Amino acid sequence: MSKSFAKTFPKEVENRKNGECATCSKVVKMSDFKDDLSKTEFSISGMCQDCQDSVFGDTVEEDEEE
């Protein structure tokens, strides 16, 4: 992680270091994620499943309805 990112988003970086969601500060467990794509997104953004669903929509349920 770059120093400029850490300076710009110190709370988010600290949350990630503590095993928390970068967005809502909820403790994150890998078992909370719906699928591998969600786990991959967590590794990129640091967002828990609830925050991912809020930002991207609940695509698993939407796909199942089609």
Protein backbone atom coordinates (compact mmCIF):
# COMPACT_ATOMS: atom_id res chain seq x y z
CA MET A 1 0.00 0.00 0.00
CA SER A 2 1.40 3.38 -0.94
CA LYS A 3 2.26 6.01 1.65
CA SER A 4 0.03 8.57 -0.08
CA PHE A 5 -2.95 6.20 0.15
CA ALA A 6 -2.32 5.68 3.86
CA LYS A 7 -2.09 9.45 4.39
CA THR A 8 -5.30 10.06 2.47
CA PHE A 9 -7.30 7.23 4.07
CA PRO A 10 -5.73 6.61 7.50
CA LYS A 11 -8.93 5.30 9.14
CA GLU A 12 -9.57 2.83 6.33
CA VAL A 13 -5.99 1.57 6.39
CA GLU A 14 -6.11 1.14 10.17
CA ASN A 15 -9.43 -0.74 9.91
CA ARG A 16 -7.94 -3.17 7.40
CA LYS A 17 -4.93 -3.77 9.65
CA ASN A 18 -7.33 -4.58 12.50
CA GLY A 19 -9.37 -7.06 10.43
CA GLU A 20 -12.27 -4.63 10.07
CA CYS A 21 -14.24 -3.33 7.10
CA ALA A 22 -12.61 -0.24 5.62
CA THR A 23 -16.05 1.34 5.21
CA CYS A 24 -18.14 0.49 8.29
CA SER A 25 -15.49 -0.80 10.75
CA LYS A 26 -17.36 -4.12 11.27
CA VAL A 27 -15.10 -7.09 12.11
CA VAL A 28 -14.70 -9.14 8.94
CA LYS A 29 -14.69 -12.94 8.83
CA MET A 30 -13.98 -14.67 5.54
CA SER A 31 -16.93 -16.99 6.22
CA ASP A 32 -19.25 -13.94 5.91
CA PHE A 33 -18.62 -13.63 2.17
CA LYS A 34 -21.09 -15.14 -0.31
CA ASP A 35 -18.59 -16.24 -2.92
CA ASP A 36 -15.02 -16.03 -4.18
CA LEU A 37 -15.74 -12.84 -6.12
CA SER A 38 -16.79 -11.12 -2.89
CA LYS A 39 -13.61 -12.32 -1.19
CA THR A 40 -11.57 -10.95 -4.07
CA GLU A 41 -13.37 -7.62 -3.82
CA PHE A 42 -12.57 -7.53 -0.09
CA SER A 43 -8.88 -7.95 -0.90
CA ILE A 44 -9.14 -4.93 -3.22
CA SER A 45 -11.47 -2.55 -1.40
CA GLY A 46 -11.55 -3.85 2.16
CA MET A 47 -15.35 -3.80 2.19
CA CYS A 48 -17.35 -6.40 4.12
CA GLN A 49 -20.20 -8.29 2.41
CA ASP A 50 -22.85 -5.86 3.67
CA CYS A 51 -20.96 -2.84 2.32
CA GLN A 52 -20.33 -4.60 -1.00
CA ASP A 53 -24.04 -5.36 -1.29
CA SER A 54 -24.83 -1.73 -0.51
CA VAL A 55 -22.43 -0.41 -3.16
CA PHE A 56 -22.82 -3.02 -5.90
CA GLY A 57 -26.26 -4.43 -5.14
CA ASP A 58 -27.03 -7.95 -4.02
CA THR A 59 -26.11 -9.56 -7.34
CA VAL A 60 -26.32 -13.16 -6.09
CA GLU A 61 -30.04 -12.86 -5.36
CA GLU A 62 -30.66 -10.85 -8.54
CA ASP A 63 -28.95 -13.51 -10.67
CA GLU A 64 -30.96 -16.29 -9.03
CA GLU A 65 -34.26 -14.55 -9.85
CA GLU A 66 -33.56 -14.37 -13.61
